């Protein structure tokens, strides 16, 4: 069958090769009474808290399952805007909040709205592999700029300025990032936005892991704080310092951010996200989204309202603290094995580790580790072309016990390799 030419620009999603191989091997391992430890897919091991599930159940029973307006439920848009005020100290007009079918739907809409065929969009290498494909779906091209460990695997303003051409339409950044778990320092992010703005471009920032921030963007540890709404409802007081990282929206009203209920709010399969856009983009975005998606899931939207209740937020904060504990176990654990972590992740639930001391190619390393130990990792090949053979990604969205078991298995594997 004849396919559209755009298919040629969509690159493979290699993590799915790893997942398929792991699924095939799992049968053999289970037959031997052993279990595999999956540290590959970027999905929280927690599920939605009970108040969210109860809210979804009520919506179903009450028949609130019809279409919503294309931008989403007004109550949900207002609650998201309030969250920015409570957590980040920013006054965001709810009309700028646009609820989408997941962050993937948000990035698809943003790419179609902003980029023309022939445009190029600057992105860091390494990056989440699907981001360049959202750009490609709009007929534009992702131009990957090497972002080494010395830059915390993120772009700098000087790099953006040097790379800009007449074809450049803007930048697509992620902070914190998949696969590295690193954030862009607020001052550097402002400089990037200023450089893009001065050239008439657009700054699009993926913030789906922003709620899972543990340190500042230089990796300096500090107790995360959040200003929760009072138990009886009403507005919260002043935010208590930097929380949940720092949103790029602080750099100007012309910045477009993408967020999601999948990671911090742990509603991956509910497929719910949002965009915050400049006021001038609200009407064209509504027109486009209404035609392409109609609306996001109404049941998921009604359920998401419960995410912002005081008790639910306290549970999310407890889980965030557990993610931090896991990071603080796995990073020094890998380092002790000689699997260097060149940049300490300050957010998300990923470690981008260097296996070059043991293997010339992380693809071979990951598959050999899987076969030998049952620990499933993702090779760097999925995330770019800047030294992917050195690096692998580990997702620590797993229990502390499983992470410790994974470290023990890796230790045995590396000792056997060295013998």
Protein backbone atom coordinates (compact mmCIF):
# COMPACT_ATOMS: atom_id res chain seq x y z
CA UNK A 1 0.00 0.00 0.00
CA UNK A 2 1.22 3.49 -0.83
CA UNK A 3 2.30 5.44 2.26
CA UNK A 4 2.68 9.17 2.75
CA UNK A 5 6.24 10.42 2.44
CA UNK A 6 6.22 11.74 6.00
CA UNK A 7 6.62 8.15 7.19
CA UNK A 8 10.20 8.26 5.94
CA UNK A 9 11.03 10.97 8.46
CA UNK A 10 9.65 9.06 11.46
CA UNK A 11 12.53 7.21 13.09
CA UNK A 12 12.19 3.95 15.05
CA UNK A 13 11.38 4.00 18.76
CA UNK A 14 14.15 1.66 19.90
CA UNK A 15 12.93 1.32 23.47
CA UNK A 16 10.08 -0.78 22.08
CA UNK A 17 12.66 -3.20 20.65
CA UNK A 18 13.98 -3.56 24.18
CA UNK A 19 10.47 -4.05 25.59
CA UNK A 20 9.67 -6.73 22.99
CA UNK A 21 12.93 -8.56 23.67
CA UNK A 22 12.27 -8.39 27.42
CA UNK A 23 8.75 -9.78 26.97
CA UNK A 24 10.14 -12.73 24.99
CA UNK A 25 12.80 -13.42 27.59
CA UNK A 26 10.44 -13.09 30.53
CA UNK A 27 8.67 -16.33 29.63
CA UNK A 28 11.94 -18.23 29.80
CA UNK A 29 12.90 -16.61 33.08
CA UNK A 30 9.55 -17.34 34.69
CA UNK A 31 9.84 -20.97 33.58
CA UNK A 32 13.02 -21.12 35.69
CA UNK A 33 11.27 -19.55 38.66
CA UNK A 34 13.14 -16.26 38.23
CA UNK A 35 11.88 -12.73 37.65
CA UNK A 36 13.04 -9.84 35.55
CA UNK A 37 13.51 -6.30 36.83
CA UNK A 38 12.20 -3.72 34.38
CA UNK A 39 14.08 -0.42 34.55
CA UNK A 40 13.31 0.56 30.98
CA UNK A 41 9.94 2.18 30.30
CA UNK A 42 9.39 5.67 31.70
CA UNK A 43 6.21 5.01 33.63
CA UNK A 44 5.63 5.52 37.37
CA UNK A 45 5.07 2.31 39.28
CA UNK A 46 2.45 4.17 41.34
CA UNK A 47 -1.09 4.46 39.99
CA UNK A 48 -3.64 7.22 40.50
CA UNK A 49 -4.56 7.74 44.19
CA UNK A 50 -7.95 6.64 45.44
CA UNK A 51 -9.61 10.10 45.31
CA UNK A 52 -8.84 10.29 41.59
CA UNK A 53 -10.30 6.85 40.99
CA UNK A 54 -13.38 7.75 43.02
CA UNK A 55 -13.85 10.94 41.00
CA UNK A 56 -13.68 8.96 37.76
CA UNK A 57 -16.22 6.47 39.11
CA UNK A 58 -18.61 9.26 40.05
CA UNK A 59 -18.28 10.80 36.61
CA UNK A 60 -19.17 7.48 35.00
CA UNK A 61 -22.14 6.87 37.29
CA UNK A 62 -23.42 10.41 36.84
CA UNK A 63 -23.18 10.17 33.07
CA UNK A 64 -20.59 12.94 32.72
CA UNK A 65 -19.07 11.21 29.73
CA UNK A 66 -19.96 13.48 26.84
CA UNK A 67 -17.80 15.88 24.91
CA UNK A 68 -16.33 18.85 26.70
CA UNK A 69 -15.30 22.11 25.06
CA UNK A 70 -12.12 21.69 23.03
CA UNK A 71 -9.94 23.58 25.57
CA UNK A 72 -11.22 21.36 28.40
CA UNK A 73 -13.45 21.68 31.44
CA UNK A 74 -13.41 25.27 32.71
CA UNK A 75 -13.08 24.00 36.29
CA UNK A 76 -10.00 21.95 35.41
CA UNK A 77 -8.36 24.81 33.53
CA UNK A 78 -8.96 27.07 36.52
CA UNK A 79 -7.51 24.49 38.90
CA UNK A 80 -4.39 24.06 36.79
CA UNK A 81 -3.93 27.85 36.75
CA UNK A 82 -4.32 27.92 40.54
CA UNK A 83 -1.65 25.23 40.81
CA UNK A 84 0.82 27.51 39.02
CA UNK A 85 0.01 30.24 41.54
CA UNK A 86 0.35 27.94 44.56
CA UNK A 87 3.48 26.13 43.46
CA UNK A 88 5.31 28.63 41.24
CA UNK A 89 3.90 31.98 42.34
CA UNK A 90 2.73 32.79 38.80
CA UNK A 91 -0.62 34.32 37.86
CA UNK A 92 -1.73 32.39 34.76
CA UNK A 93 -5.07 33.29 33.17
CA UNK A 94 -7.08 30.03 32.91
CA UNK A 95 -7.94 30.95 29.32
CA UNK A 96 -4.29 30.25 28.44
CA UNK A 97 -4.54 26.67 29.76
CA UNK A 98 -5.55 24.15 27.11
CA UNK A 99 -6.32 20.56 28.16
CA UNK A 100 -5.10 17.94 25.69
CA UNK A 101 -5.09 14.21 25.01
CA UNK A 102 -1.84 13.65 26.89
CA UNK A 103 1.44 15.51 26.45
CA UNK A 104 1.80 13.73 23.11
CA UNK A 105 -1.43 15.37 21.95
CA UNK A 106 -0.15 18.70 23.25
CA UNK A 107 3.16 18.41 21.39
CA UNK A 108 1.36 17.33 18.22
CA UNK A 109 -0.95 20.33 18.37
CA UNK A 110 1.86 22.73 19.19
CA UNK A 111 3.99 21.45 16.30
CA UNK A 112 1.13 21.68 13.81
CA UNK A 113 0.23 25.14 15.06
CA UNK A 114 3.74 26.62 15.05
CA UNK A 115 5.94 24.91 12.46
CA UNK A 116 5.82 24.93 8.66
CA UNK A 117 7.27 22.42 6.21
CA UNK A 118 10.93 23.25 5.76
CA UNK A 119 11.34 24.81 9.21
CA UNK A 120 14.01 23.51 11.54
CA UNK A 121 13.58 23.25 15.29
CA UNK A 122 16.62 23.17 17.57
CA UNK A 123 16.71 20.39 20.16
CA UNK A 124 19.36 18.97 22.48
CA UNK A 125 21.06 15.67 21.73
CA UNK A 126 20.20 13.56 23.76
CA UNK A 127 16.42 14.06 23.79
CA UNK A 128 13.22 12.06 24.15
CA UNK A 129 13.02 10.34 20.72
CA UNK A 130 9.36 11.11 20.00
CA UNK A 131 9.85 14.88 20.27
CA UNK A 132 11.62 15.07 16.93
CA UNK A 133 8.82 13.02 15.39
CA UNK A 134 6.15 15.46 16.55
CA UNK A 135 8.12 18.11 14.69
CA UNK A 136 8.47 15.84 11.64
CA UNK A 137 4.71 15.25 11.57
CA UNK A 138 4.32 18.97 10.89
CA UNK A 139 6.76 18.73 7.97
CA UNK A 140 9.53 20.46 9.90
CA UNK A 141 12.91 19.02 10.85
CA UNK A 142 14.47 18.60 14.27
CA UNK A 143 18.06 19.82 14.24
CA UNK A 144 19.83 18.03 17.06
CA UNK A 145 22.63 20.00 18.76
CA UNK A 146 25.15 18.07 20.86
CA UNK A 147 24.54 18.74 24.55
CA UNK A 148 27.40 17.06 26.43
CA UNK A 149 27.64 16.26 30.12
CA UNK A 150 29.59 19.50 30.68
CA UNK A 151 26.32 21.31 29.79
CA UNK A 152 24.22 18.95 31.95
CA UNK A 153 22.99 17.45 28.65
CA UNK A 154 21.06 20.67 27.93
CA UNK A 155 21.35 23.44 25.35
CA UNK A 156 22.90 26.81 26.17
CA UNK A 157 21.95 30.24 24.86
CA UNK A 158 25.30 30.63 23.10
CA UNK A 159 24.79 27.29 21.33
CA UNK A 160 21.31 28.34 20.19
CA UNK A 161 22.62 31.67 18.92
CA UNK A 162 25.45 30.01 17.00
CA UNK A 163 23.16 27.39 15.44
CA UNK A 164 20.38 29.76 14.36
CA UNK A 165 19.74 29.98 10.60
CA UNK A 166 17.05 31.61 8.44
CA UNK A 167 15.21 28.28 8.51
CA UNK A 168 15.14 28.04 12.30
CA UNK A 169 11.65 28.45 13.75
CA UNK A 170 12.44 27.91 17.41
CA UNK A 171 13.57 25.49 20.09
CA UNK A 172 11.98 22.46 21.71
CA UNK A 173 13.48 21.88 25.14
CA UNK A 174 12.69 19.56 28.05
CA UNK A 175 13.33 20.45 31.68
CA UNK A 176 13.69 18.08 33.50
CA UNK A 177 14.72 15.92 30.57
CA UNK A 178 14.13 12.40 29.44
CA UNK A 179 16.61 10.56 29.27
CA UNK A 180 18.95 12.47 31.57
CA UNK A 181 16.78 13.75 34.43
CA UNK A 182 18.55 17.12 34.21
CA UNK A 183 17.01 20.60 34.20
CA UNK A 184 18.04 23.87 32.61
CA UNK A 185 19.19 26.47 35.14
CA UNK A 186 16.59 29.28 35.30
CA UNK A 187 19.08 32.01 34.32
CA UNK A 188 20.26 29.99 31.32
CA UNK A 189 16.70 29.24 30.28
CA UNK A 190 15.91 32.96 30.34
CA UNK A 191 18.93 33.63 28.15
CA UNK A 192 17.75 30.97 25.68
CA UNK A 193 14.25 32.45 25.58
CA UNK A 194 15.69 35.93 25.08
CA UNK A 195 17.86 34.68 22.20
CA UNK A 196 14.93 32.94 20.54
CA UNK A 197 12.63 35.93 21.05
CA UNK A 198 15.20 38.30 19.54
CA UNK A 199 15.21 36.16 16.39
CA UNK A 200 11.44 35.96 16.07
CA UNK A 201 11.30 32.31 17.06
CA UNK A 202 9.20 30.26 19.46
CA UNK A 203 10.28 28.65 22.74
CA UNK A 204 8.43 25.37 23.39
CA UNK A 205 9.33 23.66 26.66
CA UNK A 206 8.31 20.15 27.71
CA UNK A 207 7.74 20.22 31.49
CA UNK A 208 6.04 16.88 32.03
CA UNK A 209 8.57 15.96 34.75
CA UNK A 210 8.57 19.36 36.43
CA UNK A 211 6.59 18.08 39.41
CA UNK A 212 9.23 15.42 39.98
CA UNK A 213 12.08 17.81 40.78
CA UNK A 214 14.30 17.13 43.78
CA UNK A 215 17.16 19.65 43.62
CA UNK A 216 17.86 22.91 41.84
CA UNK A 217 18.89 22.88 38.19
CA UNK A 218 22.57 22.69 39.12
CA UNK A 219 21.97 19.47 41.02
CA UNK A 220 22.36 21.06 44.48
CA UNK A 221 20.31 19.15 47.00
CA UNK A 222 17.66 20.92 49.01
CA UNK A 223 14.42 19.87 50.67
CA UNK A 224 11.58 20.13 48.14
CA UNK A 225 8.72 22.29 49.32
CA UNK A 226 5.24 22.84 48.01
CA UNK A 227 2.49 25.21 49.01
CA UNK A 228 -0.57 23.01 49.36
CA UNK A 229 -4.13 24.33 49.45
CA UNK A 230 -5.70 24.30 52.91
CA UNK A 231 -7.75 21.22 53.75
CA UNK A 232 -10.95 23.22 53.87
CA UNK A 233 -10.53 24.60 50.36
CA UNK A 234 -9.92 28.18 49.37
CA UNK A 235 -6.71 29.72 48.15
CA UNK A 236 -3.29 28.89 49.49
CA UNK A 237 -0.90 31.36 51.01
CA UNK A 238 2.28 32.62 49.45
CA UNK A 239 4.46 29.91 47.87
CA UNK A 240 7.28 28.80 50.16
CA UNK A 241 10.29 29.25 47.90
CA UNK A 242 11.35 27.33 44.75
CA UNK A 243 9.19 24.24 44.36
CA UNK A 244 8.81 21.50 41.80
CA UNK A 245 11.57 23.05 39.75
CA UNK A 246 11.00 26.39 38.05
CA UNK A 247 8.61 26.60 35.14
CA UNK A 248 9.75 28.25 31.91
CA UNK A 249 6.59 30.37 32.04
CA UNK A 250 8.51 32.66 34.38
CA UNK A 251 10.64 33.66 31.36
CA UNK A 252 7.73 35.39 29.61
CA UNK A 253 4.14 35.10 28.44
CA UNK A 254 5.32 34.14 24.96
CA UNK A 255 6.82 30.85 26.19
CA UNK A 256 4.71 27.75 25.46
CA UNK A 257 4.88 24.91 27.95
CA UNK A 258 3.65 21.33 27.83
CA UNK A 259 2.68 19.38 30.93
CA UNK A 260 0.90 16.15 31.73
CA UNK A 261 -1.04 14.22 34.33
CA UNK A 262 1.08 11.14 33.54
CA UNK A 263 4.25 11.56 35.62
CA UNK A 264 3.83 13.56 38.84
CA UNK A 265 0.09 12.82 38.90
CA UNK A 266 0.66 9.18 37.82
CA UNK A 267 -2.23 8.88 35.35
CA UNK A 268 -0.30 7.53 32.36
CA UNK A 269 -3.04 5.55 30.62
CA UNK A 270 -5.67 8.22 31.26
CA UNK A 271 -4.08 10.26 28.44
CA UNK A 272 -4.45 13.76 29.81
CA UNK A 273 -2.11 16.71 29.49
CA UNK A 274 -2.15 20.45 28.95
CA UNK A 275 -0.56 23.37 27.18
CA UNK A 276 -0.06 26.89 28.46
CA UNK A 277 0.02 29.25 25.48
CA UNK A 278 0.18 33.02 24.86
CA UNK A 279 -3.25 34.69 24.65
CA UNK A 280 -2.91 35.18 20.88
CA UNK A 281 -2.71 31.42 20.32
CA UNK A 282 -5.85 30.46 22.24
CA UNK A 283 -8.33 30.93 19.36
CA UNK A 284 -6.26 29.21 16.61
CA UNK A 285 -5.39 26.37 18.99
CA UNK A 286 -9.06 25.86 19.86
CA UNK A 287 -9.96 25.75 16.17
CA UNK A 288 -7.26 23.21 15.39
CA UNK A 289 -7.86 21.00 18.43
CA UNK A 290 -11.61 20.97 17.90
CA UNK A 291 -11.11 19.66 14.39
CA UNK A 292 -8.37 17.13 15.12
CA UNK A 293 -9.23 15.84 18.61
CA UNK A 294 -12.66 17.33 19.55
CA UNK A 295 -11.61 17.16 23.20
CA UNK A 296 -9.63 15.18 25.74
CA UNK A 297 -11.34 12.35 27.66
CA UNK A 298 -14.15 13.84 29.71
CA UNK A 299 -13.91 11.11 32.37
CA UNK A 300 -10.18 11.70 32.78
CA UNK A 301 -10.80 15.44 33.10
CA UNK A 302 -13.39 15.00 35.84
CA UNK A 303 -11.04 12.61 37.63
CA UNK A 304 -8.11 15.04 37.34
CA UNK A 305 -9.96 17.63 39.40
CA UNK A 306 -9.33 15.38 42.41
CA UNK A 307 -5.57 15.58 41.81
CA UNK A 308 -5.57 19.07 43.33
CA UNK A 309 -7.33 18.22 46.58
CA UNK A 310 -5.15 18.75 49.66
CA UNK A 311 -5.01 15.10 50.71
CA UNK A 312 -4.25 13.95 47.18
CA UNK A 313 -1.40 16.46 46.83
CA UNK A 314 0.04 15.27 50.14
CA UNK A 315 0.09 11.74 48.76
CA UNK A 316 1.82 12.94 45.60
CA UNK A 317 4.43 14.71 47.71
CA UNK A 318 5.00 11.52 49.73
CA UNK A 319 5.56 9.64 46.48
CA UNK A 320 7.89 12.33 45.18
CA UNK A 321 9.99 11.93 48.32
CA UNK A 322 10.13 8.19 47.62
CA UNK A 323 11.31 8.82 44.06
CA UNK A 324 14.10 10.98 45.52
CA UNK A 325 15.07 8.14 47.88
CA UNK A 326 15.31 5.83 44.90
CA UNK A 327 17.53 8.27 43.03
CA UNK A 328 19.75 8.62 46.07
CA UNK A 329 20.13 4.82 46.15
CA UNK A 330 20.68 4.11 42.47
CA UNK A 331 23.10 6.91 41.52
CA UNK A 332 25.84 6.11 44.07
CA UNK A 333 25.12 2.41 43.54
CA UNK A 334 25.91 2.65 39.83
CA UNK A 335 28.97 4.79 40.52
CA UNK A 336 30.29 2.17 42.94
CA UNK A 337 30.08 -0.40 40.13
CA UNK A 338 32.11 1.77 37.75
CA UNK A 339 29.03 2.77 35.73
CA UNK A 340 29.73 6.49 35.85
CA UNK A 341 26.87 8.97 36.14
CA UNK A 342 28.45 12.13 34.67
CA UNK A 343 25.57 14.39 35.72
CA UNK A 344 23.49 13.82 38.83
CA UNK A 345 19.83 13.94 37.78
CA UNK A 346 17.85 16.63 39.58
CA UNK A 347 14.40 15.49 38.43
CA UNK A 348 12.25 12.91 36.59
CA UNK A 349 13.11 9.27 37.35
CA UNK A 350 15.99 8.56 35.00
CA UNK A 351 19.74 8.09 35.22
CA UNK A 352 21.89 8.49 32.10
CA UNK A 353 24.91 6.35 32.89
CA UNK A 354 28.19 5.66 31.10
CA UNK A 355 29.03 1.99 30.43
CA UNK A 356 32.11 2.62 28.27
CA UNK A 357 34.39 1.16 30.95
CA UNK A 358 32.81 -2.23 30.23
CA UNK A 359 31.54 -2.09 26.65
CA UNK A 360 32.21 -0.26 23.39
CA UNK A 361 28.49 -0.17 22.59
CA UNK A 362 25.65 0.39 25.06
CA UNK A 363 23.27 -1.49 22.74
CA UNK A 364 25.30 -4.69 23.16
CA UNK A 365 25.79 -3.94 26.86
CA UNK A 366 22.06 -3.56 27.58
CA UNK A 367 21.03 -6.70 25.71
CA UNK A 368 23.84 -8.73 27.31
CA UNK A 369 22.81 -7.47 30.76
CA UNK A 370 19.21 -8.41 30.01
CA UNK A 371 20.08 -11.93 28.95
CA UNK A 372 22.48 -12.50 31.84
CA UNK A 373 20.77 -10.75 34.75
CA UNK A 374 17.15 -10.08 33.78
CA UNK A 375 17.69 -6.35 34.42
CA UNK A 376 16.16 -4.35 31.56
CA UNK A 377 17.90 -1.09 30.56
CA UNK A 378 17.62 1.17 27.50
CA UNK A 379 20.65 1.86 25.27
CA UNK A 380 21.53 5.42 24.31
CA UNK A 381 20.76 4.77 20.65
CA UNK A 382 17.17 5.84 21.24
CA UNK A 383 18.04 9.35 22.35
CA UNK A 384 20.33 10.84 19.73
CA UNK A 385 23.61 10.57 17.85
CA UNK A 386 25.97 12.29 20.32
CA UNK A 387 27.95 9.36 21.73
CA UNK A 388 24.93 7.10 22.26
CA UNK A 389 27.24 4.08 22.43
CA UNK A 390 28.60 5.35 25.77
CA UNK A 391 25.33 5.73 27.59
CA UNK A 392 22.31 3.80 28.77
CA UNK A 393 19.15 5.03 30.49
CA UNK A 394 17.89 3.49 33.71
CA UNK A 395 14.40 4.30 34.96
CA UNK A 396 14.21 4.16 38.75
CA UNK A 397 10.41 4.10 38.72
CA UNK A 398 10.58 0.88 40.68
CA UNK A 399 10.72 -0.15 44.32
CA UNK A 400 13.79 0.36 46.49
CA UNK A 401 13.99 -3.40 46.97
CA UNK A 402 13.99 -4.03 43.21
CA UNK A 403 16.57 -1.31 42.63
CA UNK A 404 18.88 -2.84 45.22
CA UNK A 405 18.37 -6.28 43.67
CA UNK A 406 19.20 -4.81 40.25
CA UNK A 407 22.43 -3.34 41.62
CA UNK A 408 23.35 -6.71 43.14
CA UNK A 409 22.71 -8.49 39.85
CA UNK A 410 24.73 -5.91 37.92
CA UNK A 411 27.60 -6.32 40.38
CA UNK A 412 27.63 -10.07 39.78
CA UNK A 413 27.50 -9.58 36.02
CA UNK A 414 30.38 -7.10 35.98
CA UNK A 415 32.48 -9.32 38.24
CA UNK A 416 31.92 -12.27 35.94
CA UNK A 417 32.86 -10.15 32.92
CA UNK A 418 36.09 -9.09 34.63
CA UNK A 419 37.05 -12.63 35.70
